[in-house]
Amino acid sequence: MVELAGTWRFTALEGAQVEGRRRATPWLTFDGDGQVFGLAGVNRVRGTWVLDGDTLTFGPVVSTLMAGPPDAMACEQQVLRLLGEPATVSAPDDDTLVLDGVAPARLVRDPHAADQQV
């Protein structure tokens, strides 16, 4: 079974590389109690998650409502789309997650992703 607990930084969304294209790279932190929080691109997000087999489902997710540069807002819409639908999750290794769903994504384990300035 995939171990989600920890902080994960997005490296690709819908087939496009994420890093270096925006002020702040999106990230998610999964805690062991089914809570998730992070940065979708511009806005902070918080919600719940459940992993059933290899299907990851996010519960209601809320976000702040700030505006940002067009590229960051477009990235944020991709992240929010991902959080809105179930995804199949796999882990090619202990430090990489692949989410295959409405907005396919690749994330890497990064305990310092939340340290970045927005």
PDB file of N, CA and C in Angstrom:
ATOM      1  N   MET A   1       0.834  -1.183   0.000  1.00  0.00           N
ATOM      2  CA  MET A   1       0.000   0.000   0.000  1.00  0.00           C
ATOM      3  C   MET A   1       0.881   1.249   0.000  1.00  0.00           C
ATOM      4  N   VAL A   2       0.429   2.279  -0.681  1.00  0.00           N
ATOM      5  CA  VAL A   2       1.153   3.542  -0.777  1.00  0.00           C
ATOM      6  C   VAL A   2       1.077   4.277   0.557  1.00  0.00           C
ATOM      7  N   GLU A   3       2.196   4.800   1.013  1.00  0.00           N
ATOM      8  CA  GLU A   3       2.245   5.589   2.246  1.00  0.00           C
ATOM      9  C   GLU A   3       2.171   7.072   1.877  1.00  0.00           C
ATOM     10  N   LEU A   4       1.031   7.700   2.151  1.00  0.00           N
ATOM     11  CA  LEU A   4       0.821   9.093   1.761  1.00  0.00           C
ATOM     12  C   LEU A   4       1.268  10.100   2.812  1.00  0.00           C
ATOM     13  N   ALA A   5       1.339   9.708   4.074  1.00  0.00           N
ATOM     14  CA  ALA A   5       1.644  10.666   5.142  1.00  0.00           C
ATOM     15  C   ALA A   5       2.928  11.425   4.827  1.00  0.00           C
ATOM     16  N   GLY A   6       2.855  12.747   4.939  1.00  0.00           N
ATOM     17  CA  GLY A   6       4.002  13.595   4.673  1.00  0.00           C
ATOM     18  C   GLY A   6       3.658  14.691   3.690  1.00  0.00           C
ATOM     19  N   THR A   7       4.679  15.441   3.298  1.00  0.00           N
ATOM     20  CA  THR A   7       4.501  16.569   2.380  1.00  0.00           C
ATOM     21  C   THR A   7       5.040  16.207   1.010  1.00  0.00           C
ATOM     22  N   TRP A   8       4.242  16.526  -0.008  1.00  0.00           N
ATOM     23  CA  TRP A   8       4.537  16.184  -1.398  1.00  0.00           C
ATOM     24  C   TRP A   8       4.470  17.436  -2.261  1.00  0.00           C
ATOM     25  N   ARG A   9       5.474  17.629  -3.110  1.00  0.00           N
ATOM     26  CA  ARG A   9       5.535  18.769  -4.028  1.00  0.00           C
ATOM     27  C   ARG A   9       5.189  18.293  -5.439  1.00  0.00           C
ATOM     28  N   PHE A  10       4.322  19.033  -6.112  1.00  0.00           N
ATOM     29  CA  PHE A  10       3.959  18.703  -7.491  1.00  0.00           C
ATOM     30  C   PHE A  10       5.145  18.971  -8.409  1.00  0.00           C
ATOM     31  N   THR A  11       5.451  18.018  -9.293  1.00  0.00           N
ATOM     32  CA  THR A  11       6.475  18.231 -10.313  1.00  0.00           C
ATOM     33  C   THR A  11       5.872  18.259 -11.706  1.00  0.00           C
ATOM     34  N   ALA A  12       4.691  17.647 -11.878  1.00  0.00           N
ATOM     35  CA  ALA A  12       4.010  17.659 -13.176  1.00  0.00           C
ATOM     36  C   ALA A  12       2.504  17.618 -12.951  1.00  0.00           C
ATOM     37  N   LEU A  13       1.791  18.333 -13.818  1.00  0.00           N
ATOM     38  CA  LEU A  13       0.327  18.354 -13.806  1.00  0.00           C
ATOM     39  C   LEU A  13      -0.154  18.258 -15.242  1.00  0.00           C
ATOM     40  N   GLU A  14      -1.013  17.315 -15.499  1.00  0.00           N
ATOM     41  CA  GLU A  14      -1.573  17.117 -16.836  1.00  0.00           C
ATOM     42  C   GLU A  14      -0.475  17.051 -17.894  1.00  0.00           C
ATOM     43  N   GLY A  15       0.634  16.380 -17.554  1.00  0.00           N
ATOM     44  CA  GLY A  15       1.713  16.146 -18.500  1.00  0.00           C
ATOM     45  C   GLY A  15       2.731  17.263 -18.635  1.00  0.00           C
ATOM     46  N   ALA A  16       2.512  18.407 -17.993  1.00  0.00           N
ATOM     47  CA  ALA A  16       3.447  19.534 -18.094  1.00  0.00           C
ATOM     48  C   ALA A  16       4.232  19.682 -16.794  1.00  0.00           C
ATOM     49  N   GLN A  17       5.511  20.012 -16.924  1.00  0.00           N
ATOM     50  CA  GLN A  17       6.338  20.247 -15.747  1.00  0.00           C
ATOM     51  C   GLN A  17       5.832  21.468 -14.987  1.00  0.00           C
ATOM     52  N   VAL A  18       5.900  21.420 -13.673  1.00  0.00           N
ATOM     53  CA  VAL A  18       5.405  22.502 -12.826  1.00  0.00           C
ATOM     54  C   VAL A  18       6.549  23.373 -12.328  1.00  0.00           C
ATOM     55  N   GLU A  19       7.646  22.786 -11.960  1.00  0.00           N
ATOM     56  CA  GLU A  19       8.736  23.513 -11.309  1.00  0.00           C
ATOM     57  C   GLU A  19       9.312  24.607 -12.197  1.00  0.00           C
ATOM     58  N   GLY A  20       9.627  25.737 -11.565  1.00  0.00           N
ATOM     59  CA  GLY A  20      10.290  26.818 -12.259  1.00  0.00           C
ATOM     60  C   GLY A  20       9.386  27.685 -13.117  1.00  0.00           C
ATOM     61  N   ARG A  21       8.101  27.351 -13.204  1.00  0.00           N
ATOM     62  CA  ARG A  21       7.192  28.122 -14.053  1.00  0.00           C
ATOM     63  C   ARG A  21       6.347  29.103 -13.257  1.00  0.00           C
ATOM     64  N   ARG A  22       6.382  28.999 -11.946  1.00  0.00           N
ATOM     65  CA  ARG A  22       5.480  29.807 -11.123  1.00  0.00           C
ATOM     66  C   ARG A  22       6.214  30.321  -9.895  1.00  0.00           C
ATOM     67  N   ARG A  23       5.605  31.312  -9.250  1.00  0.00           N
ATOM     68  CA  ARG A  23       6.191  31.843  -8.010  1.00  0.00           C
ATOM     69  C   ARG A  23       6.297  30.768  -6.949  1.00  0.00           C
ATOM     70  N   ALA A  24       5.237  29.987  -6.787  1.00  0.00           N
ATOM     71  CA  ALA A  24       5.196  28.973  -5.735  1.00  0.00           C
ATOM     72  C   ALA A  24       4.706  27.656  -6.322  1.00  0.00           C
ATOM     73  N   THR A  25       5.455  26.615  -6.100  1.00  0.00           N
ATOM     74  CA  THR A  25       5.076  25.300  -6.599  1.00  0.00           C
ATOM     75  C   THR A  25       4.028  24.695  -5.680  1.00  0.00           C
ATOM     76  N   PRO A  26       2.942  24.155  -6.232  1.00  0.00           N
ATOM     77  CA  PRO A  26       1.907  23.538  -5.394  1.00  0.00           C
ATOM     78  C   PRO A  26       2.455  22.359  -4.592  1.00  0.00           C
ATOM     79  N   TRP A  27       1.893  22.155  -3.422  1.00  0.00           N
ATOM     80  CA  TRP A  27       2.274  21.041  -2.555  1.00  0.00           C
ATOM     81  C   TRP A  27       1.074  20.627  -1.718  1.00  0.00           C
ATOM     82  N   LEU A  28       1.115  19.399  -1.221  1.00  0.00           N
ATOM     83  CA  LEU A  28       0.085  18.871  -0.327  1.00  0.00           C
ATOM     84  C   LEU A  28       0.752  18.149   0.828  1.00  0.00           C
ATOM     85  N   THR A  29       0.193  18.301   2.024  1.00  0.00           N
ATOM     86  CA  THR A  29       0.616  17.529   3.186  1.00  0.00           C
ATOM     87  C   THR A  29      -0.544  16.645   3.615  1.00  0.00           C
ATOM     88  N   PHE A  30      -0.300  15.342   3.649  1.00  0.00           N
ATOM     89  CA  PHE A  30      -1.273  14.357   4.115  1.00  0.00           C
ATOM     90  C   PHE A  30      -0.894  13.988   5.540  1.00  0.00           C
ATOM     91  N   ASP A  31      -1.820  14.129   6.491  1.00  0.00           N
ATOM     92  CA  ASP A  31      -1.517  13.653   7.836  1.00  0.00           C
ATOM     93  C   ASP A  31      -2.114  12.263   8.012  1.00  0.00           C
ATOM     94  N   GLY A  32      -1.777  11.624   9.094  1.00  0.00           N
ATOM     95  CA  GLY A  32      -2.233  10.261   9.329  1.00  0.00           C
ATOM     96  C   GLY A  32      -3.678  10.139   9.752  1.00  0.00           C
ATOM     97  N   ASP A  33      -4.357  11.276   9.956  1.00  0.00           N
ATOM     98  CA  ASP A  33      -5.744  11.261  10.419  1.00  0.00           C
ATOM     99  C   ASP A  33      -6.741  11.592   9.322  1.00  0.00           C
ATOM    100  N   GLY A  34      -6.319  11.522   8.056  1.00  0.00           N
ATOM    101  CA  GLY A  34      -7.238  11.784   6.958  1.00  0.00           C
ATOM    102  C   GLY A  34      -7.425  13.248   6.625  1.00  0.00           C
ATOM    103  N   GLN A  35      -6.539  14.107   7.107  1.00  0.00           N
ATOM    104  CA  GLN A  35      -6.591  15.533   6.777  1.00  0.00           C
ATOM    105  C   GLN A  35      -5.514  15.843   5.740  1.00  0.00           C
ATOM    106  N   VAL A  36      -5.820  16.765   4.836  1.00  0.00           N
ATOM    107  CA  VAL A  36      -4.854  17.217   3.841  1.00  0.00           C
ATOM    108  C   VAL A  36      -4.890  18.742   3.812  1.00  0.00           C
ATOM    109  N   PHE A  37      -3.721  19.342   3.640  1.00  0.00           N
ATOM    110  CA  PHE A  37      -3.653  20.790   3.471  1.00  0.00           C
ATOM    111  C   PHE A  37      -2.477  21.099   2.572  1.00  0.00           C
ATOM    112  N   GLY A  38      -2.480  22.292   1.994  1.00  0.00           N
ATOM    113  CA  GLY A  38      -1.378  22.642   1.123  1.00  0.00           C
ATOM    114  C   GLY A  38      -1.600  23.928   0.369  1.00  0.00           C
ATOM    115  N   LEU A  39      -0.872  24.054  -0.738  1.00  0.00           N
ATOM    116  CA  LEU A  39      -0.933  25.216  -1.610  1.00  0.00           C
ATOM    117  C   LEU A  39      -1.304  24.726  -2.998  1.00  0.00           C
ATOM    118  N   ALA A  40      -2.366  25.297  -3.574  1.00  0.00           N
ATOM    119  CA  ALA A  40      -2.831  24.865  -4.895  1.00  0.00           C
ATOM    120  C   ALA A  40      -2.166  25.637  -6.028  1.00  0.00           C
ATOM    121  N   GLY A  41      -1.439  26.675  -5.733  1.00  0.00           N
ATOM    122  CA  GLY A  41      -0.796  27.504  -6.743  1.00  0.00           C
ATOM    123  C   GLY A  41      -0.732  28.936  -6.263  1.00  0.00           C
ATOM    124  N   VAL A  42      -1.872  29.446  -5.819  1.00  0.00           N
ATOM    125  CA  VAL A  42      -1.981  30.775  -5.217  1.00  0.00           C
ATOM    126  C   VAL A  42      -2.602  30.652  -3.832  1.00  0.00           C
ATOM    127  N   ASN A  43      -3.631  29.857  -3.732  1.00  0.00           N
ATOM    128  CA  ASN A  43      -4.419  29.747  -2.506  1.00  0.00           C
ATOM    129  C   ASN A  43      -4.100  28.500  -1.698  1.00  0.00           C
ATOM    130  N   ARG A  44      -4.249  28.636  -0.396  1.00  0.00           N
ATOM    131  CA  ARG A  44      -4.119  27.505   0.523  1.00  0.00           C
ATOM    132  C   ARG A  44      -5.373  26.650   0.426  1.00  0.00           C
ATOM    133  N   VAL A  45      -5.204  25.340   0.566  1.00  0.00           N
ATOM    134  CA  VAL A  45      -6.328  24.405   0.543  1.00  0.00           C
ATOM    135  C   VAL A  45      -6.288  23.540   1.794  1.00  0.00           C
ATOM    136  N   ARG A  46      -7.458  23.046   2.168  1.00  0.00           N
ATOM    137  CA  ARG A  46      -7.577  22.145   3.318  1.00  0.00           C
ATOM    138  C   ARG A  46      -8.783  21.254   3.074  1.00  0.00           C
ATOM    139  N   GLY A  47      -8.659  19.986   3.464  1.00  0.00           N
ATOM    140  CA  GLY A  47      -9.774  19.058   3.310  1.00  0.00           C
ATOM    141  C   GLY A  47      -9.463  17.717   3.934  1.00  0.00           C
ATOM    142  N   THR A  48     -10.150  16.703   3.442  1.00  0.00           N
ATOM    143  CA  THR A  48      -9.959  15.343   3.939  1.00  0.00           C
ATOM    144  C   THR A  48      -9.575  14.434   2.779  1.00  0.00           C
ATOM    145  N   TRP A  49      -9.012  13.274   3.122  1.00  0.00           N
ATOM    146  CA  TRP A  49      -8.664  12.291   2.108  1.00  0.00           C
ATOM    147  C   TRP A  49      -8.898  10.893   2.644  1.00  0.00           C
ATOM    148  N   VAL A  50      -9.169   9.966   1.705  1.00  0.00           N
ATOM    149  CA  VAL A  50      -9.332   8.549   2.020  1.00  0.00           C
ATOM    150  C   VAL A  50      -8.635   7.762   0.923  1.00  0.00           C
ATOM    151  N   LEU A  51      -7.827   6.787   1.303  1.00  0.00           N
ATOM    152  CA  LEU A  51      -7.200   5.881   0.349  1.00  0.00           C
ATOM    153  C   LEU A  51      -7.841   4.520   0.519  1.00  0.00           C
ATOM    154  N   ASP A  52      -8.542   4.061  -0.509  1.00  0.00           N
ATOM    155  CA  ASP A  52      -9.219   2.766  -0.510  1.00  0.00           C
ATOM    156  C   ASP A  52      -8.585   1.922  -1.604  1.00  0.00           C
ATOM    157  N   GLY A  53      -7.693   1.010  -1.198  1.00  0.00           N
ATOM    158  CA  GLY A  53      -6.924   0.264  -2.191  1.00  0.00           C
ATOM    159  C   GLY A  53      -5.974   1.224  -2.878  1.00  0.00           C
ATOM    160  N   ASP A  54      -6.126   1.374  -4.203  1.00  0.00           N
ATOM    161  CA  ASP A  54      -5.288   2.335  -4.922  1.00  0.00           C
ATOM    162  C   ASP A  54      -6.084   3.558  -5.383  1.00  0.00           C
ATOM    163  N   THR A  55      -7.283   3.752  -4.810  1.00  0.00           N
ATOM    164  CA  THR A  55      -8.106   4.907  -5.171  1.00  0.00           C
ATOM    165  C   THR A  55      -8.051   5.963  -4.072  1.00  0.00           C
ATOM    166  N   LEU A  56      -7.570   7.139  -4.445  1.00  0.00           N
ATOM    167  CA  LEU A  56      -7.479   8.271  -3.530  1.00  0.00           C
ATOM    168  C   LEU A  56      -8.651   9.202  -3.798  1.00  0.00           C
ATOM    169  N   THR A  57      -9.424   9.469  -2.741  1.00  0.00           N
ATOM    170  CA  THR A  57     -10.567  10.372  -2.851  1.00  0.00           C
ATOM    171  C   THR A  57     -10.413  11.475  -1.822  1.00  0.00           C
ATOM    172  N   PHE A  58     -10.600  12.702  -2.273  1.00  0.00           N
ATOM    173  CA  PHE A  58     -10.564  13.850  -1.374  1.00  0.00           C
ATOM    174  C   PHE A  58     -11.988  14.204  -0.996  1.00  0.00           C
ATOM    175  N   GLY A  59     -12.181  14.530   0.289  1.00  0.00           N
ATOM    176  CA  GLY A  59     -13.498  14.954   0.751  1.00  0.00           C
ATOM    177  C   GLY A  59     -13.704  16.411   0.419  1.00  0.00           C
ATOM    178  N   PRO A  60     -14.601  17.053   1.085  1.00  0.00           N
ATOM    179  CA  PRO A  60     -14.767  18.479   0.807  1.00  0.00           C
ATOM    180  C   PRO A  60     -13.440  19.207   1.007  1.00  0.00           C
ATOM    181  N   VAL A  61     -13.075  20.008   0.022  1.00  0.00           N
ATOM    182  CA  VAL A  61     -11.839  20.789   0.080  1.00  0.00           C
ATOM    183  C   VAL A  61     -12.218  22.263   0.022  1.00  0.00           C
ATOM    184  N   VAL A  62     -11.671  23.043   0.931  1.00  0.00           N
ATOM    185  CA  VAL A  62     -11.901  24.486   0.943  1.00  0.00           C
ATOM    186  C   VAL A  62     -10.590  25.189   0.611  1.00  0.00           C
ATOM    187  N   SER A  63     -10.707  26.400   0.090  1.00  0.00           N
ATOM    188  CA  SER A  63      -9.502  27.165  -0.217  1.00  0.00           C
ATOM    189  C   SER A  63      -9.729  28.633   0.077  1.00  0.00           C
ATOM    190  N   THR A  64      -8.611  29.336   0.247  1.00  0.00           N
ATOM    191  CA  THR A  64      -8.693  30.781   0.350  1.00  0.00           C
ATOM    192  C   THR A  64      -9.069  31.312  -1.031  1.00  0.00           C
ATOM    193  N   LEU A  65      -9.366  32.591  -1.137  1.00  0.00           N
ATOM    194  CA  LEU A  65      -9.910  33.134  -2.388  1.00  0.00           C
ATOM    195  C   LEU A  65      -9.094  34.308  -2.933  1.00  0.00           C
ATOM    196  N   MET A  66      -7.778  34.174  -2.945  1.00  0.00           N
ATOM    197  CA  MET A  66      -6.934  35.238  -3.480  1.00  0.00           C
ATOM    198  C   MET A  66      -6.780  35.074  -4.987  1.00  0.00           C
ATOM    199  N   ALA A  67      -6.522  36.169  -5.662  1.00  0.00           N
ATOM    200  CA  ALA A  67      -6.213  36.144  -7.092  1.00  0.00           C
ATOM    201  C   ALA A  67      -4.701  36.166  -7.253  1.00  0.00           C
ATOM    202  N   GLY A  68      -4.235  35.710  -8.409  1.00  0.00           N
ATOM    203  CA  GLY A  68      -2.811  35.692  -8.662  1.00  0.00           C
ATOM    204  C   GLY A  68      -2.526  35.795 -10.139  1.00  0.00           C
ATOM    205  N   PRO A  69      -1.258  35.666 -10.533  1.00  0.00           N
ATOM    206  CA  PRO A  69      -0.881  35.731 -11.942  1.00  0.00           C
ATOM    207  C   PRO A  69      -1.593  34.629 -12.735  1.00  0.00           C
ATOM    208  N   PRO A  70      -1.870  34.877 -14.015  1.00  0.00           N
ATOM    209  CA  PRO A  70      -2.614  33.901 -14.818  1.00  0.00           C
ATOM    210  C   PRO A  70      -2.016  32.495 -14.820  1.00  0.00           C
ATOM    211  N   ASP A  71      -0.678  32.368 -14.902  1.00  0.00           N
ATOM    212  CA  ASP A  71      -0.097  31.022 -14.935  1.00  0.00           C
ATOM    213  C   ASP A  71      -0.301  30.293 -13.615  1.00  0.00           C
ATOM    214  N   ALA A  72      -0.189  31.007 -12.507  1.00  0.00           N
ATOM    215  CA  ALA A  72      -0.401  30.382 -11.200  1.00  0.00           C
ATOM    216  C   ALA A  72      -1.866  30.013 -11.002  1.00  0.00           C
ATOM    217  N   MET A  73      -2.772  30.844 -11.490  1.00  0.00           N
ATOM    218  CA  MET A  73      -4.202  30.540 -11.366  1.00  0.00           C
ATOM    219  C   MET A  73      -4.575  29.343 -12.239  1.00  0.00           C
ATOM    220  N   ALA A  74      -3.966  29.226 -13.422  1.00  0.00           N
ATOM    221  CA  ALA A  74      -4.230  28.070 -14.287  1.00  0.00           C
ATOM    222  C   ALA A  74      -3.743  26.789 -13.616  1.00  0.00           C
ATOM    223  N   CYS A  75      -2.562  26.847 -13.008  1.00  0.00           N
ATOM    224  CA  CYS A  75      -2.037  25.700 -12.270  1.00  0.00           C
ATOM    225  C   CYS A  75      -2.973  25.345 -11.129  1.00  0.00           C
ATOM    226  N   GLU A  76      -3.437  26.349 -10.417  1.00  0.00           N
ATOM    227  CA  GLU A  76      -4.344  26.118  -9.298  1.00  0.00           C
ATOM    228  C   GLU A  76      -5.623  25.414  -9.749  1.00  0.00           C
ATOM    229  N   GLN A  77      -6.156  25.812 -10.894  1.00  0.00           N
ATOM    230  CA  GLN A  77      -7.367  25.162 -11.397  1.00  0.00           C
ATOM    231  C   GLN A  77      -7.116  23.679 -11.670  1.00  0.00           C
ATOM    232  N   GLN A  78      -5.926  23.337 -12.163  1.00  0.00           N
ATOM    233  CA  GLN A  78      -5.578  21.933 -12.384  1.00  0.00           C
ATOM    234  C   GLN A  78      -5.528  21.177 -11.062  1.00  0.00           C
ATOM    235  N   VAL A  79      -4.912  21.776 -10.047  1.00  0.00           N
ATOM    236  CA  VAL A  79      -4.830  21.127  -8.735  1.00  0.00           C
ATOM    237  C   VAL A  79      -6.228  20.937  -8.158  1.00  0.00           C
ATOM    238  N   LEU A  80      -7.061  21.962  -8.223  1.00  0.00           N
ATOM    239  CA  LEU A  80      -8.418  21.855  -7.678  1.00  0.00           C
ATOM    240  C   LEU A  80      -9.244  20.814  -8.426  1.00  0.00           C
ATOM    241  N   ARG A  81      -9.036  20.710  -9.743  1.00  0.00           N
ATOM    242  CA  ARG A  81      -9.726  19.673 -10.526  1.00  0.00           C
ATOM    243  C   ARG A  81      -9.298  18.286 -10.027  1.00  0.00           C
ATOM    244  N   LEU A  82      -8.007  18.119  -9.783  1.00  0.00           N
ATOM    245  CA  LEU A  82      -7.488  16.857  -9.256  1.00  0.00           C
ATOM    246  C   LEU A  82      -8.115  16.528  -7.907  1.00  0.00           C
ATOM    247  N   LEU A  83      -8.230  17.529  -7.040  1.00  0.00           N
ATOM    248  CA  LEU A  83      -8.783  17.305  -5.705  1.00  0.00           C
ATOM    249  C   LEU A  83     -10.287  17.050  -5.730  1.00  0.00           C
ATOM    250  N   GLY A  84     -10.931  17.342  -6.848  1.00  0.00           N
ATOM    251  CA  GLY A  84     -12.374  17.196  -6.943  1.00  0.00           C
ATOM    252  C   GLY A  84     -12.861  15.846  -7.424  1.00  0.00           C
ATOM    253  N   GLU A  85     -11.967  14.987  -7.874  1.00  0.00           N
ATOM    254  CA  GLU A  85     -12.356  13.681  -8.420  1.00  0.00           C
ATOM    255  C   GLU A  85     -11.432  12.585  -7.882  1.00  0.00           C
ATOM    256  N   PRO A  86     -11.927  11.357  -7.753  1.00  0.00           N
ATOM    257  CA  PRO A  86     -11.055  10.253  -7.332  1.00  0.00           C
ATOM    258  C   PRO A  86      -9.912  10.044  -8.332  1.00  0.00           C
ATOM    259  N   ALA A  87      -8.783   9.588  -7.831  1.00  0.00           N
ATOM    260  CA  ALA A  87      -7.625   9.311  -8.675  1.00  0.00           C
ATOM    261  C   ALA A  87      -7.016   7.984  -8.258  1.00  0.00           C
ATOM    262  N   THR A  88      -6.451   7.293  -9.227  1.00  0.00           N
ATOM    263  CA  THR A  88      -5.688   6.085  -8.940  1.00  0.00           C
ATOM    264  C   THR A  88      -4.280   6.524  -8.557  1.00  0.00           C
ATOM    265  N   VAL A  89      -3.799   6.007  -7.437  1.00  0.00           N
ATOM    266  CA  VAL A  89      -2.490   6.419  -6.945  1.00  0.00           C
ATOM    267  C   VAL A  89      -1.518   5.249  -7.027  1.00  0.00           C
ATOM    268  N   SER A  90      -0.294   5.556  -7.452  1.00  0.00           N
ATOM    269  CA  SER A  90       0.771   4.554  -7.459  1.00  0.00           C
ATOM    270  C   SER A  90       2.052   5.237  -7.003  1.00  0.00           C
ATOM    271  N   ALA A  91       2.996   4.427  -6.575  1.00  0.00           N
ATOM    272  CA  ALA A  91       4.272   4.951  -6.088  1.00  0.00           C
ATOM    273  C   ALA A  91       5.399   4.153  -6.735  1.00  0.00           C
ATOM    274  N   PRO A  92       5.994   4.697  -7.802  1.00  0.00           N
ATOM    275  CA  PRO A  92       7.107   4.002  -8.442  1.00  0.00           C
ATOM    276  C   PRO A  92       8.267   3.757  -7.480  1.00  0.00           C
ATOM    277  N   ASP A  93       8.395   4.648  -6.466  1.00  0.00           N
ATOM    278  CA  ASP A  93       9.380   4.479  -5.402  1.00  0.00           C
ATOM    279  C   ASP A  93       8.840   5.187  -4.163  1.00  0.00           C
ATOM    280  N   ASP A  94       9.577   5.132  -3.057  1.00  0.00           N
ATOM    281  CA  ASP A  94       9.093   5.696  -1.790  1.00  0.00           C
ATOM    282  C   ASP A  94       8.936   7.210  -1.806  1.00  0.00           C
ATOM    283  N   ASP A  95       9.572   7.879  -2.758  1.00  0.00           N
ATOM    284  CA  ASP A  95       9.565   9.337  -2.778  1.00  0.00           C
ATOM    285  C   ASP A  95       8.824   9.937  -3.966  1.00  0.00           C
ATOM    286  N   THR A  96       8.058   9.130  -4.696  1.00  0.00           N
ATOM    287  CA  THR A  96       7.315   9.611  -5.860  1.00  0.00           C
ATOM    288  C   THR A  96       5.891   9.091  -5.816  1.00  0.00           C
ATOM    289  N   LEU A  97       4.933   9.983  -6.081  1.00  0.00           N
ATOM    290  CA  LEU A  97       3.526   9.607  -6.218  1.00  0.00           C
ATOM    291  C   LEU A  97       3.070   9.942  -7.624  1.00  0.00           C
ATOM    292  N   VAL A  98       2.296   9.048  -8.216  1.00  0.00           N
ATOM    293  CA  VAL A  98       1.652   9.311  -9.495  1.00  0.00           C
ATOM    294  C   VAL A  98       0.158   9.220  -9.254  1.00  0.00           C
ATOM    295  N   LEU A  99      -0.557  10.299  -9.564  1.00  0.00           N
ATOM    296  CA  LEU A  99      -2.008  10.339  -9.433  1.00  0.00           C
ATOM    297  C   LEU A  99      -2.592  10.353 -10.834  1.00  0.00           C
ATOM    298  N   ASP A 100      -3.356   9.328 -11.160  1.00  0.00           N
ATOM    299  CA  ASP A 100      -3.937   9.205 -12.491  1.00  0.00           C
ATOM    300  C   ASP A 100      -5.439   9.392 -12.377  1.00  0.00           C
ATOM    301  N   GLY A 101      -5.904  10.517 -12.857  1.00  0.00           N
ATOM    302  CA  GLY A 101      -7.327  10.829 -12.783  1.00  0.00           C
ATOM    303  C   GLY A 101      -7.663  11.927 -13.762  1.00  0.00           C
ATOM    304  N   VAL A 102      -8.629  12.754 -13.405  1.00  0.00           N
ATOM    305  CA  VAL A 102      -9.083  13.823 -14.282  1.00  0.00           C
ATOM    306  C   VAL A 102      -7.959  14.822 -14.584  1.00  0.00           C
ATOM    307  N   ALA A 103      -7.037  15.001 -13.677  1.00  0.00           N
ATOM    308  CA  ALA A 103      -5.875  15.879 -13.867  1.00  0.00           C
ATOM    309  C   ALA A 103      -4.641  15.112 -13.398  1.00  0.00           C
ATOM    310  N   PRO A 104      -4.064  14.261 -14.258  1.00  0.00           N
ATOM    311  CA  PRO A 104      -2.920  13.441 -13.845  1.00  0.00           C
ATOM    312  C   PRO A 104      -1.788  14.299 -13.276  1.00  0.00           C
ATOM    313  N   ALA A 105      -1.122  13.754 -12.256  1.00  0.00           N
ATOM    314  CA  ALA A 105      -0.070  14.520 -11.588  1.00  0.00           C
ATOM    315  C   ALA A 105       1.035  13.598 -11.103  1.00  0.00           C
ATOM    316  N   ARG A 106       2.207  14.187 -10.966  1.00  0.00           N
ATOM    317  CA  ARG A 106       3.356  13.517 -10.350  1.00  0.00           C
ATOM    318  C   ARG A 106       3.827  14.420  -9.223  1.00  0.00           C
ATOM    319  N   LEU A 107       4.075  13.802  -8.069  1.00  0.00           N
ATOM    320  CA  LEU A 107       4.538  14.536  -6.895  1.00  0.00           C
ATOM    321  C   LEU A 107       5.758  13.831  -6.327  1.00  0.00           C
ATOM    322  N   VAL A 108       6.622  14.591  -5.672  1.00  0.00           N
ATOM    323  CA  VAL A 108       7.770  14.005  -4.986  1.00  0.00           C
ATOM    324  C   VAL A 108       7.711  14.395  -3.517  1.00  0.00           C
ATOM    325  N   ARG A 109       8.178  13.481  -2.675  1.00  0.00           N
ATOM    326  CA  ARG A 109       8.214  13.753  -1.239  1.00  0.00           C
ATOM    327  C   ARG A 109       9.205  14.894  -0.994  1.00  0.00           C
ATOM    328  N   ASP A 110       8.747  15.923  -0.286  1.00  0.00           N
ATOM    329  CA  ASP A 110       9.593  17.083  -0.023  1.00  0.00           C
ATOM    330  C   ASP A 110       9.167  17.718   1.296  1.00  0.00           C
ATOM    331  N   PRO A 111       9.816  17.363   2.401  1.00  0.00           N
ATOM    332  CA  PRO A 111       9.409  17.894   3.702  1.00  0.00           C
ATOM    333  C   PRO A 111       9.560  19.409   3.813  1.00  0.00           C
ATOM    334  N   HIS A 112      10.261  20.040   2.870  1.00  0.00           N
ATOM    335  CA  HIS A 112      10.477  21.485   2.932  1.00  0.00           C
ATOM    336  C   HIS A 112       9.611  22.269   1.949  1.00  0.00           C
ATOM    337  N   ALA A 113       8.724  21.603   1.216  1.00  0.00           N
ATOM    338  CA  ALA A 113       7.898  22.296   0.219  1.00  0.00           C
ATOM    339  C   ALA A 113       7.062  23.398   0.847  1.00  0.00           C
ATOM    340  N   ALA A 114       6.582  23.189   2.059  1.00  0.00           N
ATOM    341  CA  ALA A 114       5.731  24.181   2.719  1.00  0.00           C
ATOM    342  C   ALA A 114       6.522  25.394   3.206  1.00  0.00           C
ATOM    343  N   ASP A 115       7.845  25.332   3.154  1.00  0.00           N
ATOM    344  CA  ASP A 115       8.676  26.436   3.630  1.00  0.00           C
ATOM    345  C   ASP A 115       8.777  27.583   2.628  1.00  0.00           C
ATOM    346  N   GLN A 116       8.399  27.342   1.369  1.00  0.00           N
ATOM    347  CA  GLN A 116       8.562  28.363   0.332  1.00  0.00           C
ATOM    348  C   GLN A 116       7.681  29.580   0.604  1.00  0.00           C
ATOM    349  N   GLN A 117       8.146  30.720   0.176  1.00  0.00           N
ATOM    350  CA  GLN A 117       7.385  31.963   0.322  1.00  0.00           C
ATOM    351  C   GLN A 117       6.474  32.127  -0.881  1.00  0.00           C
ATOM    352  N   VAL A 118       5.252  32.552  -0.627  1.00  0.00           N
ATOM    353  CA  VAL A 118       4.284  32.768  -1.713  1.00  0.00           C
ATOM    354  C   VAL A 118       4.301  34.223  -2.091  1.00  0.00           C
TER     355      VAL A 118
END
